Amino acid sequence: MSRRQESRRIPEFNSVEEEAEFWDTHDTTEFENEFRPVKVRFAQNLSEGLTIRLDPETLSKLRQKAHEQGIGPSTLIRMWVMEHLRSEEPRSA
């Protein structure tokens, strides 16, 4: 039985660094049986911009959080704003 045909499990990771180290030494094809399709939503009509000013310490923290998630700071802020606005919407009974 080849490595691709073996039933392998992706382990649980304690940190992003541990997961990165794992994927540096493994091929995703070894775990094809664990992957499932996902629905992806893309933002529509991002044609307007908004400028905000942040102090250097806040901006540094924002950049670090975004880096940890593998996204840019603008994307992270856009996600936070959308999450907050959704949480403020009246819930259907």
C-alpha atoms as a PDB file:
ATOM      1  CA  MET A   1       0.000   0.000   0.000  1.00  0.00           C
ATOM      2  CA  SER A   2       1.432   3.394  -0.989  1.00  0.00           C
ATOM      3  CA  ARG A   3       1.669   6.371   1.389  1.00  0.00           C
ATOM      4  CA  ARG A   4      -1.189   8.038  -0.466  1.00  0.00           C
ATOM      5  CA  GLN A   5      -3.489   5.057   0.050  1.00  0.00           C
ATOM      6  CA  GLU A   6      -2.801   4.697   3.779  1.00  0.00           C
ATOM      7  CA  SER A   7      -5.471   5.999   6.095  1.00  0.00           C
ATOM      8  CA  ARG A   8      -3.717   8.970   7.718  1.00  0.00           C
ATOM      9  CA  ARG A   9      -5.078  11.509  10.141  1.00  0.00           C
ATOM     10  CA  ILE A  10      -4.078  15.147  10.412  1.00  0.00           C
ATOM     11  CA  PRO A  11      -2.969  15.596  14.021  1.00  0.00           C
ATOM     12  CA  GLU A  12      -4.238  18.236  16.421  1.00  0.00           C
ATOM     13  CA  PHE A  13      -1.801  21.149  16.827  1.00  0.00           C
ATOM     14  CA  ASN A  14      -1.056  23.241  19.897  1.00  0.00           C
ATOM     15  CA  SER A  15       0.131  26.276  17.936  1.00  0.00           C
ATOM     16  CA  VAL A  16       0.349  27.781  14.476  1.00  0.00           C
ATOM     17  CA  GLU A  17       4.115  27.224  14.614  1.00  0.00           C
ATOM     18  CA  GLU A  18       3.657  23.504  15.344  1.00  0.00           C
ATOM     19  CA  GLU A  19       1.219  23.184  12.461  1.00  0.00           C
ATOM     20  CA  ALA A  20       3.560  25.069  10.101  1.00  0.00           C
ATOM     21  CA  GLU A  21       6.425  22.783  11.093  1.00  0.00           C
ATOM     22  CA  PHE A  22       4.252  19.728  10.392  1.00  0.00           C
ATOM     23  CA  TRP A  23       3.229  20.935   6.919  1.00  0.00           C
ATOM     24  CA  ASP A  24       6.852  21.830   6.128  1.00  0.00           C
ATOM     25  CA  THR A  25       7.637  18.112   6.352  1.00  0.00           C
ATOM     26  CA  HIS A  26       4.422  16.553   4.993  1.00  0.00           C
ATOM     27  CA  ASP A  27       2.581  16.578   1.694  1.00  0.00           C
ATOM     28  CA  THR A  28      -1.157  17.317   1.626  1.00  0.00           C
ATOM     29  CA  THR A  29      -1.639  14.370  -0.753  1.00  0.00           C
ATOM     30  CA  GLU A  30      -0.918  12.083   2.221  1.00  0.00           C
ATOM     31  CA  PHE A  31      -4.202  13.289   3.748  1.00  0.00           C
ATOM     32  CA  GLU A  32      -6.505  13.646   0.742  1.00  0.00           C
ATOM     33  CA  ASN A  33      -9.187  11.465   2.362  1.00  0.00           C
ATOM     34  CA  GLU A  34      -9.600  14.058   5.164  1.00  0.00           C
ATOM     35  CA  PHE A  35     -10.227  17.094   2.983  1.00  0.00           C
ATOM     36  CA  ARG A  36     -13.794  18.197   2.343  1.00  0.00           C
ATOM     37  CA  PRO A  37     -15.123  20.852  -0.044  1.00  0.00           C
ATOM     38  CA  VAL A  38     -15.962  24.183   1.563  1.00  0.00           C
ATOM     39  CA  LYS A  39     -18.237  26.986   0.472  1.00  0.00           C
ATOM     40  CA  VAL A  40     -16.377  30.227  -0.106  1.00  0.00           C
ATOM     41  CA  ARG A  41     -18.001  33.634  -0.100  1.00  0.00           C
ATOM     42  CA  PHE A  42     -16.246  36.555  -1.703  1.00  0.00           C
ATOM     43  CA  ALA A  43     -17.012  40.135  -0.841  1.00  0.00           C
ATOM     44  CA  GLN A  44     -18.875  41.909  -3.586  1.00  0.00           C
ATOM     45  CA  ASN A  45     -18.227  45.404  -4.894  1.00  0.00           C
ATOM     46  CA  LEU A  46     -15.387  46.489  -2.644  1.00  0.00           C
ATOM     47  CA  SER A  47     -15.159  49.724  -4.577  1.00  0.00           C
ATOM     48  CA  GLU A  48     -15.109  52.206  -1.707  1.00  0.00           C
ATOM     49  CA  GLY A  49     -12.337  52.682   0.785  1.00  0.00           C
ATOM     50  CA  LEU A  50     -12.175  54.029   4.297  1.00  0.00           C
ATOM     51  CA  THR A  51      -9.081  55.439   5.947  1.00  0.00           C
ATOM     52  CA  ILE A  52      -8.585  55.062   9.684  1.00  0.00           C
ATOM     53  CA  ARG A  53      -5.674  56.219  11.778  1.00  0.00           C
ATOM     54  CA  LEU A  54      -4.161  53.981  14.441  1.00  0.00           C
ATOM     55  CA  ASP A  55      -1.350  54.605  16.881  1.00  0.00           C
ATOM     56  CA  PRO A  56       1.836  52.595  16.138  1.00  0.00           C
ATOM     57  CA  GLU A  57       1.274  50.101  18.991  1.00  0.00           C
ATOM     58  CA  THR A  58      -2.291  49.317  17.900  1.00  0.00           C
ATOM     59  CA  LEU A  59      -1.226  48.969  14.277  1.00  0.00           C
ATOM     60  CA  SER A  60       1.590  46.633  15.291  1.00  0.00           C
ATOM     61  CA  LYS A  61      -0.836  44.444  17.265  1.00  0.00           C
ATOM     62  CA  LEU A  62      -3.260  44.421  14.340  1.00  0.00           C
ATOM     63  CA  ARG A  63      -0.540  43.397  11.892  1.00  0.00           C
ATOM     64  CA  GLN A  64       0.586  40.601  14.245  1.00  0.00           C
ATOM     65  CA  LYS A  65      -2.984  39.249  14.637  1.00  0.00           C
ATOM     66  CA  ALA A  66      -3.492  39.366  10.873  1.00  0.00           C
ATOM     67  CA  HIS A  67      -0.151  37.635  10.265  1.00  0.00           C
ATOM     68  CA  GLU A  68      -1.122  34.852  12.689  1.00  0.00           C
ATOM     69  CA  GLN A  69      -4.229  34.241  10.589  1.00  0.00           C
ATOM     70  CA  GLY A  70      -2.376  34.457   7.291  1.00  0.00           C
ATOM     71  CA  ILE A  71      -4.295  37.491   6.074  1.00  0.00           C
ATOM     72  CA  GLY A  72      -3.653  41.201   5.673  1.00  0.00           C
ATOM     73  CA  PRO A  73      -4.620  43.770   8.307  1.00  0.00           C
ATOM     74  CA  SER A  74      -7.263  45.355   6.043  1.00  0.00           C
ATOM     75  CA  THR A  75      -8.915  41.970   5.546  1.00  0.00           C
ATOM     76  CA  LEU A  76      -8.905  41.301   9.285  1.00  0.00           C
ATOM     77  CA  ILE A  77     -10.495  44.667  10.059  1.00  0.00           C
ATOM     78  CA  ARG A  78     -13.105  44.125   7.324  1.00  0.00           C
ATOM     79  CA  MET A  79     -13.924  40.704   8.875  1.00  0.00           C
ATOM     80  CA  TRP A  80     -14.244  42.242  12.365  1.00  0.00           C
ATOM     81  CA  VAL A  81     -16.525  45.016  11.116  1.00  0.00           C
ATOM     82  CA  MET A  82     -18.753  42.545   9.244  1.00  0.00           C
ATOM     83  CA  GLU A  83     -18.935  40.234  12.288  1.00  0.00           C
ATOM     84  CA  HIS A  84     -19.857  43.146  14.537  1.00  0.00           C
ATOM     85  CA  LEU A  85     -22.516  44.464  12.155  1.00  0.00           C
ATOM     86  CA  ARG A  86     -24.038  40.968  11.818  1.00  0.00           C
ATOM     87  CA  SER A  87     -24.131  40.574  15.599  1.00  0.00           C
ATOM     88  CA  GLU A  88     -26.000  43.883  15.866  1.00  0.00           C
ATOM     89  CA  GLU A  89     -28.758  42.801  13.433  1.00  0.00           C
ATOM     90  CA  PRO A  90     -32.098  41.875  14.999  1.00  0.00           C
ATOM     91  CA  ARG A  91     -32.474  38.120  15.221  1.00  0.00           C
ATOM     92  CA  SER A  92     -35.434  36.416  13.543  1.00  0.00           C
ATOM     93  CA  ALA A  93     -37.727  34.707  16.058  1.00  0.00           C
END
